[in-house]
PDB file of N, CA and C in Angstrom:
ATOM      1  N   MET A   1      22.190   3.165   5.324  1.00  0.00           N
ATOM      2  CA  MET A   1      21.293   2.497   6.023  1.00  0.00           C
ATOM      3  C   MET A   1      20.077   3.413   6.625  1.00  0.00           C
ATOM      4  N   ALA A   2      19.224   2.487   6.527  1.00  0.00           N
ATOM      5  CA  ALA A   2      17.377   3.492   6.680  1.00  0.00           C
ATOM      6  C   ALA A   2      17.467   3.275   8.300  1.00  0.00           C
ATOM      7  N   ARG A   3      16.696   3.855   8.495  1.00  0.00           N
ATOM      8  CA  ARG A   3      16.401   3.518  10.003  1.00  0.00           C
ATOM      9  C   ARG A   3      15.006   2.893  10.162  1.00  0.00           C
ATOM     10  N   LYS A   4      14.927   2.291  11.001  1.00  0.00           N
ATOM     11  CA  LYS A   4      13.430   1.614  10.977  1.00  0.00           C
ATOM     12  C   LYS A   4      12.937   1.184  12.370  1.00  0.00           C
ATOM     13  N   GLY A   5      11.668   1.416  12.087  1.00  0.00           N
ATOM     14  CA  GLY A   5      11.252   1.057  13.800  1.00  0.00           C
ATOM     15  C   GLY A   5       9.675   0.167  13.971  1.00  0.00           C
ATOM     16  N   THR A   6       9.589  -0.312  15.326  1.00  0.00           N
ATOM     17  CA  THR A   6       8.786  -0.935  15.448  1.00  0.00           C
ATOM     18  C   THR A   6       7.578  -0.669  16.864  1.00  0.00           C
ATOM     19  N   ILE A   7       6.440  -0.229  16.775  1.00  0.00           N
ATOM     20  CA  ILE A   7       5.983  -0.005  17.663  1.00  0.00           C
ATOM     21  C   ILE A   7       4.908  -0.933  18.230  1.00  0.00           C
ATOM     22  N   VAL A   8       5.270  -1.232  19.444  1.00  0.00           N
ATOM     23  CA  VAL A   8       3.874  -2.140  20.543  1.00  0.00           C
ATOM     24  C   VAL A   8       3.193  -1.041  21.283  1.00  0.00           C
ATOM     25  N   ILE A   9       1.816  -0.921  21.615  1.00  0.00           N
ATOM     26  CA  ILE A   9       1.293  -0.586  22.156  1.00  0.00           C
ATOM     27  C   ILE A   9      -0.045  -1.638  23.210  1.00  0.00           C
ATOM     28  N   ASP A  10       0.686  -1.274  24.348  1.00  0.00           N
ATOM     29  CA  ASP A  10      -0.418  -2.043  25.337  1.00  0.00           C
ATOM     30  C   ASP A  10      -1.916  -1.249  25.207  1.00  0.00           C
ATOM     31  N   ARG A  11      -2.805  -2.210  24.784  1.00  0.00           N
ATOM     32  CA  ARG A  11      -4.037  -1.617  24.306  1.00  0.00           C
ATOM     33  C   ARG A  11      -4.822  -1.330  25.476  1.00  0.00           C
ATOM     34  N   GLU A  12      -4.686  -2.288  26.550  1.00  0.00           N
ATOM     35  CA  GLU A  12      -5.187  -2.411  28.060  1.00  0.00           C
ATOM     36  C   GLU A  12      -4.983  -1.244  28.874  1.00  0.00           C
ATOM     37  N   LEU A  13      -3.165  -0.382  28.815  1.00  0.00           N
ATOM     38  CA  LEU A  13      -2.665   0.553  29.631  1.00  0.00           C
ATOM     39  C   LEU A  13      -3.375   1.780  28.435  1.00  0.00           C
ATOM     40  N   CYS A  14      -3.593   2.018  27.501  1.00  0.00           N
ATOM     41  CA  CYS A  14      -3.839   3.615  26.404  1.00  0.00           C
ATOM     42  C   CYS A  14      -5.417   3.726  27.033  1.00  0.00           C
ATOM     43  N   LYS A  15      -5.375   4.637  27.389  1.00  0.00           N
ATOM     44  CA  LYS A  15      -6.436   5.675  27.366  1.00  0.00           C
ATOM     45  C   LYS A  15      -6.990   6.651  26.372  1.00  0.00           C
ATOM     46  N   GLY A  16      -6.549   6.217  25.469  1.00  0.00           N
ATOM     47  CA  GLY A  16      -6.835   7.156  24.191  1.00  0.00           C
ATOM     48  C   GLY A  16      -6.458   8.689  24.060  1.00  0.00           C
ATOM     49  N   CYS A  17      -5.951   9.196  24.631  1.00  0.00           N
ATOM     50  CA  CYS A  17      -5.400  10.606  24.573  1.00  0.00           C
ATOM     51  C   CYS A  17      -5.211  11.078  23.027  1.00  0.00           C
ATOM     52  N   LEU A  18      -4.089  10.015  22.133  1.00  0.00           N
ATOM     53  CA  LEU A  18      -4.041  10.101  20.868  1.00  0.00           C
ATOM     54  C   LEU A  18      -2.681  11.492  20.573  1.00  0.00           C
ATOM     55  N   LEU A  19      -2.308  11.357  22.156  1.00  0.00           N
ATOM     56  CA  LEU A  19      -0.871  12.307  21.839  1.00  0.00           C
ATOM     57  C   LEU A  19       0.086  11.596  20.618  1.00  0.00           C
ATOM     58  N   CYS A  20      -0.038  10.420  20.805  1.00  0.00           N
ATOM     59  CA  CYS A  20       0.728  10.057  20.059  1.00  0.00           C
ATOM     60  C   CYS A  20       0.441   9.903  18.460  1.00  0.00           C
ATOM     61  N   VAL A  21      -0.484   9.691  18.039  1.00  0.00           N
ATOM     62  CA  VAL A  21      -1.353   9.932  17.039  1.00  0.00           C
ATOM     63  C   VAL A  21      -0.412  11.549  16.531  1.00  0.00           C
ATOM     64  N   HIS A  22      -1.333  12.613  17.117  1.00  0.00           N
ATOM     65  CA  HIS A  22      -0.644  13.959  16.971  1.00  0.00           C
ATOM     66  C   HIS A  22       0.723  14.182  16.635  1.00  0.00           C
ATOM     67  N   PHE A  23       1.784  13.813  17.471  1.00  0.00           N
ATOM     68  CA  PHE A  23       3.165  13.955  17.177  1.00  0.00           C
ATOM     69  C   PHE A  23       3.927  12.910  16.537  1.00  0.00           C
ATOM     70  N   CYS A  24       3.074  11.918  15.714  1.00  0.00           N
ATOM     71  CA  CYS A  24       4.087  11.119  14.937  1.00  0.00           C
ATOM     72  C   CYS A  24       3.908  11.806  13.714  1.00  0.00           C
ATOM     73  N   PRO A  25       5.352  12.325  13.214  1.00  0.00           N
ATOM     74  CA  PRO A  25       5.508  13.083  11.804  1.00  0.00           C
ATOM     75  C   PRO A  25       5.510  12.185  10.619  1.00  0.00           C
ATOM     76  N   LEU A  26       5.189  10.635  10.558  1.00  0.00           N
ATOM     77  CA  LEU A  26       4.732   9.809   9.719  1.00  0.00           C
ATOM     78  C   LEU A  26       3.420   9.784   9.390  1.00  0.00           C
ATOM     79  N   HIS A  27       2.953   9.516  10.355  1.00  0.00           N
ATOM     80  CA  HIS A  27       1.315   9.306  10.233  1.00  0.00           C
ATOM     81  C   HIS A  27       1.052   7.273  10.391  1.00  0.00           C
ATOM     82  N   VAL A  28       2.060   7.182  11.307  1.00  0.00           N
ATOM     83  CA  VAL A  28       1.838   5.951  11.800  1.00  0.00           C
ATOM     84  C   VAL A  28       0.999   5.165  12.615  1.00  0.00           C
ATOM     85  N   LEU A  29       0.425   6.210  13.095  1.00  0.00           N
ATOM     86  CA  LEU A  29      -0.775   5.804  14.500  1.00  0.00           C
ATOM     87  C   LEU A  29      -2.017   6.718  13.932  1.00  0.00           C
ATOM     88  N   GLU A  30      -2.751   5.932  14.508  1.00  0.00           N
ATOM     89  CA  GLU A  30      -4.532   6.336  14.191  1.00  0.00           C
ATOM     90  C   GLU A  30      -5.447   5.703  15.256  1.00  0.00           C
ATOM     91  N   ALA A  31      -6.562   6.365  16.253  1.00  0.00           N
ATOM     92  CA  ALA A  31      -7.612   5.387  16.866  1.00  0.00           C
ATOM     93  C   ALA A  31      -7.687   4.254  16.676  1.00  0.00           C
ATOM     94  N   ASP A  32      -7.931   3.559  17.538  1.00  0.00           N
ATOM     95  CA  ASP A  32      -8.394   2.175  17.385  1.00  0.00           C
ATOM     96  C   ASP A  32     -10.010   2.376  16.913  1.00  0.00           C
ATOM     97  N   THR A  33     -10.769   1.626  16.441  1.00  0.00           N
ATOM     98  CA  THR A  33     -12.411   1.426  16.253  1.00  0.00           C
ATOM     99  C   THR A  33     -12.366   0.896  16.822  1.00  0.00           C
ATOM    100  N   GLN A  34     -12.282  -0.055  17.665  1.00  0.00           N
ATOM    101  CA  GLN A  34     -12.427  -0.909  18.853  1.00  0.00           C
ATOM    102  C   GLN A  34     -11.847  -0.770  20.248  1.00  0.00           C
ATOM    103  N   PRO A  35     -13.250  -0.461  21.157  1.00  0.00           N
ATOM    104  CA  PRO A  35     -12.193   0.071  22.346  1.00  0.00           C
ATOM    105  C   PRO A  35     -11.921  -1.155  23.096  1.00  0.00           C
ATOM    106  N   ASN A  36     -10.952  -1.075  24.449  1.00  0.00           N
ATOM    107  CA  ASN A  36     -10.627  -1.658  24.684  1.00  0.00           C
ATOM    108  C   ASN A  36     -11.257  -2.017  26.641  1.00  0.00           C
ATOM    109  N   THR A  37     -10.819  -2.877  27.338  1.00  0.00           N
ATOM    110  CA  THR A  37     -11.516  -3.142  28.247  1.00  0.00           C
ATOM    111  C   THR A  37     -12.452  -1.855  29.202  1.00  0.00           C
ATOM    112  N   THR A  38     -11.884  -0.434  29.379  1.00  0.00           N
ATOM    113  CA  THR A  38     -12.000   0.303  29.683  1.00  0.00           C
ATOM    114  C   THR A  38     -13.087   0.918  29.553  1.00  0.00           C
ATOM    115  N   GLY A  39     -13.152   0.924  27.692  1.00  0.00           N
ATOM    116  CA  GLY A  39     -14.040   1.307  27.124  1.00  0.00           C
ATOM    117  C   GLY A  39     -13.386   2.806  26.341  1.00  0.00           C
ATOM    118  N   SER A  40     -12.036   2.477  26.422  1.00  0.00           N
ATOM    119  CA  SER A  40     -11.088   3.655  25.593  1.00  0.00           C
ATOM    120  C   SER A  40     -10.730   3.539  24.151  1.00  0.00           C
ATOM    121  N   TYR A  41     -10.887   3.996  23.589  1.00  0.00           N
ATOM    122  CA  TYR A  41     -10.522   3.966  21.794  1.00  0.00           C
ATOM    123  C   TYR A  41      -8.852   4.048  21.969  1.00  0.00           C
ATOM    124  N   PRO A  42      -7.751   2.996  21.983  1.00  0.00           N
ATOM    125  CA  PRO A  42      -6.805   3.090  21.990  1.00  0.00           C
ATOM    126  C   PRO A  42      -5.949   3.443  20.630  1.00  0.00           C
ATOM    127  N   SER A  43      -4.496   3.911  20.987  1.00  0.00           N
ATOM    128  CA  SER A  43      -4.043   4.234  19.647  1.00  0.00           C
ATOM    129  C   SER A  43      -3.464   2.524  19.173  1.00  0.00           C
ATOM    130  N   LYS A  44      -3.721   2.701  17.374  1.00  0.00           N
ATOM    131  CA  LYS A  44      -2.914   1.252  17.177  1.00  0.00           C
ATOM    132  C   LYS A  44      -1.956   1.897  15.495  1.00  0.00           C
ATOM    133  N   VAL A  45      -1.372   0.956  15.331  1.00  0.00           N
ATOM    134  CA  VAL A  45      -0.384   1.193  14.499  1.00  0.00           C
ATOM    135  C   VAL A  45      -1.045   0.555  12.692  1.00  0.00           C
ATOM    136  N   VAL A  46      -0.972   1.366  12.190  1.00  0.00           N
ATOM    137  CA  VAL A  46      -1.606   1.494  10.862  1.00  0.00           C
ATOM    138  C   VAL A  46      -0.668   1.395   9.494  1.00  0.00           C
ATOM    139  N   HIS A  47       0.179   1.906   9.896  1.00  0.00           N
ATOM    140  CA  HIS A  47       1.514   2.158   8.998  1.00  0.00           C
ATOM    141  C   HIS A  47       2.668   1.753   9.339  1.00  0.00           C
ATOM    142  N   ARG A  48       2.622   0.701   9.810  1.00  0.00           N
ATOM    143  CA  ARG A  48       4.103  -0.137  10.325  1.00  0.00           C
ATOM    144  C   ARG A  48       5.029   0.063   9.564  1.00  0.00           C
ATOM    145  N   GLU A  49       5.133  -0.056   8.149  1.00  0.00           N
ATOM    146  CA  GLU A  49       6.799   0.188   7.466  1.00  0.00           C
ATOM    147  C   GLU A  49       7.055   1.385   7.735  1.00  0.00           C
ATOM    148  N   ALA A  50       6.208   2.482   7.406  1.00  0.00           N
ATOM    149  CA  ALA A  50       6.704   3.890   7.572  1.00  0.00           C
ATOM    150  C   ALA A  50       7.460   4.654   8.843  1.00  0.00           C
ATOM    151  N   CYS A  51       7.006   3.622   9.961  1.00  0.00           N
ATOM    152  CA  CYS A  51       7.801   3.827  11.235  1.00  0.00           C
ATOM    153  C   CYS A  51       9.009   3.797  11.110  1.00  0.00           C
ATOM    154  N   THR A  52       9.690   5.171  11.471  1.00  0.00           N
ATOM    155  CA  THR A  52      11.550   5.154  11.545  1.00  0.00           C
ATOM    156  C   THR A  52      11.827   5.138  13.136  1.00  0.00           C
ATOM    157  N   GLY A  53      11.022   4.790  14.121  1.00  0.00           N
ATOM    158  CA  GLY A  53      11.262   4.228  15.487  1.00  0.00           C
ATOM    159  C   GLY A  53      12.254   5.869  15.893  1.00  0.00           C
ATOM    160  N   CYS A  54      11.612   6.844  15.862  1.00  0.00           N
ATOM    161  CA  CYS A  54      11.873   8.378  16.118  1.00  0.00           C
ATOM    162  C   CYS A  54      11.733   8.586  17.435  1.00  0.00           C
ATOM    163  N   GLY A  55      10.736   7.704  18.003  1.00  0.00           N
ATOM    164  CA  GLY A  55      10.294   8.118  19.190  1.00  0.00           C
ATOM    165  C   GLY A  55       9.617   8.968  20.500  1.00  0.00           C
ATOM    166  N   ASN A  56       8.992   9.604  19.142  1.00  0.00           N
ATOM    167  CA  ASN A  56       7.814  10.738  19.858  1.00  0.00           C
ATOM    168  C   ASN A  56       6.534  10.158  20.404  1.00  0.00           C
ATOM    169  N   CYS A  57       6.255   8.927  19.583  1.00  0.00           N
ATOM    170  CA  CYS A  57       4.814   8.747  20.681  1.00  0.00           C
ATOM    171  C   CYS A  57       5.204   8.136  22.161  1.00  0.00           C
ATOM    172  N   PHE A  58       6.561   7.766  22.062  1.00  0.00           N
ATOM    173  CA  PHE A  58       6.615   7.239  23.122  1.00  0.00           C
ATOM    174  C   PHE A  58       7.055   8.380  24.021  1.00  0.00           C
ATOM    175  N   GLU A  59       7.756   9.383  23.922  1.00  0.00           N
ATOM    176  CA  GLU A  59       7.854  10.432  24.347  1.00  0.00           C
ATOM    177  C   GLU A  59       7.036  10.929  25.278  1.00  0.00           C
ATOM    178  N   VAL A  60       5.990  11.144  24.364  1.00  0.00           N
ATOM    179  CA  VAL A  60       4.505  12.217  24.552  1.00  0.00           C
ATOM    180  C   VAL A  60       3.485  11.164  25.185  1.00  0.00           C
ATOM    181  N   CYS A  61       3.722  10.015  25.361  1.00  0.00           N
ATOM    182  CA  CYS A  61       2.672   9.240  25.956  1.00  0.00           C
ATOM    183  C   CYS A  61       2.655   9.153  27.566  1.00  0.00           C
ATOM    184  N   PRO A  62       1.294   9.766  28.131  1.00  0.00           N
ATOM    185  CA  PRO A  62       1.544   9.616  29.543  1.00  0.00           C
ATOM    186  C   PRO A  62       1.200   8.600  30.501  1.00  0.00           C
ATOM    187  N   ASP A  63       0.916   7.770  29.545  1.00  0.00           N
ATOM    188  CA  ASP A  63       0.650   6.359  30.540  1.00  0.00           C
ATOM    189  C   ASP A  63       1.039   5.215  29.826  1.00  0.00           C
ATOM    190  N   ILE A  64       3.142   5.673  29.723  1.00  0.00           N
ATOM    191  CA  ILE A  64       3.913   4.933  29.439  1.00  0.00           C
ATOM    192  C   ILE A  64       3.291   3.488  28.772  1.00  0.00           C
ATOM    193  N   CYS A  65       2.306   3.348  28.277  1.00  0.00           N
ATOM    194  CA  CYS A  65       2.121   2.231  26.903  1.00  0.00           C
ATOM    195  C   CYS A  65       2.653   2.352  25.724  1.00  0.00           C
ATOM    196  N   ILE A  66       3.808   2.923  25.201  1.00  0.00           N
ATOM    197  CA  ILE A  66       4.549   2.090  23.933  1.00  0.00           C
ATOM    198  C   ILE A  66       5.705   2.134  24.241  1.00  0.00           C
ATOM    199  N   THR A  67       6.313   0.834  23.567  1.00  0.00           N
ATOM    200  CA  THR A  67       7.485   0.669  23.298  1.00  0.00           C
ATOM    201  C   THR A  67       8.000   0.994  22.032  1.00  0.00           C
ATOM    202  N   VAL A  68       9.291   1.720  21.816  1.00  0.00           N
ATOM    203  CA  VAL A  68       9.645   1.739  20.582  1.00  0.00           C
ATOM    204  C   VAL A  68      10.956   1.058  20.290  1.00  0.00           C
ATOM    205  N   TYR A  69      10.947   0.057  19.385  1.00  0.00           N
ATOM    206  CA  TYR A  69      11.801  -0.791  18.985  1.00  0.00           C
ATOM    207  C   TYR A  69      12.750  -0.103  17.394  1.00  0.00           C
ATOM    208  N   ALA A  70      14.080   0.545  17.429  1.00  0.00           N
ATOM    209  CA  ALA A  70      14.651   1.098  16.588  1.00  0.00           C
ATOM    210  C   ALA A  70      15.467  -0.062  16.058  1.00  0.00           C
ATOM    211  N   ARG A  71      16.137  -0.282  14.739  1.00  0.00           N
ATOM    212  CA  ARG A  71      16.993  -0.701  14.136  1.00  0.00           C
ATOM    213  C   ARG A  71      17.638  -0.173  12.840  1.00  0.00           C
ATOM    214  N   GLU A  72      18.588  -0.199  12.312  1.00  0.00           N
ATOM    215  CA  GLU A  72      19.565  -0.086  10.877  1.00  0.00           C
ATOM    216  C   GLU A  72      18.744  -1.063  10.212  1.00  0.00           C
ATOM    217  N   GLU A  73      18.414  -0.303   9.042  1.00  0.00           N
ATOM    218  CA  GLU A  73      18.274  -1.453   7.967  1.00  0.00           C
ATOM    219  C   GLU A  73      19.685  -1.156   6.520  1.00  0.00           C
ATOM    220  N   THR A  74      19.496  -2.913   5.995  1.00  0.00           N
ATOM    221  CA  THR A  74      20.894  -2.307   5.192  1.00  0.00           C
ATOM    222  C   THR A  74      20.283  -2.663   4.391  1.00  0.00           C
ATOM    223  N   GLU A  75      20.829  -2.365   2.310  1.00  0.00           N
ATOM    224  CA  GLU A  75      20.198  -2.615   1.596  1.00  0.00           C
ATOM    225  C   GLU A  75      20.477  -4.274   1.488  1.00  0.00           C
ATOM    226  N   LYS A  76      21.317  -4.997   1.686  1.00  0.00           N
ATOM    227  CA  LYS A  76      21.508  -6.220   1.821  1.00  0.00           C
ATOM    228  C   LYS A  76      20.441  -7.111   2.550  1.00  0.00           C
ATOM    229  N   GLU A  77      20.393  -6.600   3.840  1.00  0.00           N
ATOM    230  CA  GLU A  77      19.521  -7.387   4.828  1.00  0.00           C
ATOM    231  C   GLU A  77      18.129  -6.757   4.657  1.00  0.00           C
ATOM    232  N   PRO A  78      16.975  -7.313   3.874  1.00  0.00           N
ATOM    233  CA  PRO A  78      15.676  -6.405   4.462  1.00  0.00           C
ATOM    234  C   PRO A  78      15.182  -6.117   6.103  1.00  0.00           C
ATOM    235  N   ALA A  79      14.215  -5.448   5.716  1.00  0.00           N
ATOM    236  CA  ALA A  79      13.551  -6.105   7.350  1.00  0.00           C
ATOM    237  C   ALA A  79      12.820  -7.402   7.406  1.00  0.00           C
ATOM    238  N   HIS A  80      12.262  -7.776   6.140  1.00  0.00           N
ATOM    239  CA  HIS A  80      10.906  -8.695   6.037  1.00  0.00           C
ATOM    240  C   HIS A  80      11.819 -10.180   6.038  1.00  0.00           C
ATOM    241  N   VAL A  81      13.710 -10.525   6.544  1.00  0.00           N
ATOM    242  CA  VAL A  81      14.047 -10.903   6.460  1.00  0.00           C
ATOM    243  C   VAL A  81      14.734 -11.235   7.816  1.00  0.00           C
ATOM    244  N   ARG A  82      14.773 -10.143   9.130  1.00  0.00           N
ATOM    245  CA  ARG A  82      14.819 -10.400   9.733  1.00  0.00           C
ATOM    246  C   ARG A  82      13.728 -10.620  10.978  1.00  0.00           C
ATOM    247  N   GLU A  83      12.881 -10.484  10.398  1.00  0.00           N
ATOM    248  CA  GLU A  83      11.583 -10.320  11.720  1.00  0.00           C
ATOM    249  C   GLU A  83      11.381 -11.774  11.757  1.00  0.00           C
TER     250      GLU A  83
END
């Protein structure tokens, strides 16, 4: 079984420090090119399929604006079927 994850970032809470981008071992995140309402450029998910749900982004986020959902994926039940 492979571990997969889903990341949800609250754009309005994110101040764009990009710690999550720097600490993601699989380069799932990057800075958004569109600012939020405060003028910050929040992080965004760009390689959703690569996320393993390790939680590094959640752990380093000083603004608590990231939620990580992790799940086990089986050969019989691909992720796209369950979503």
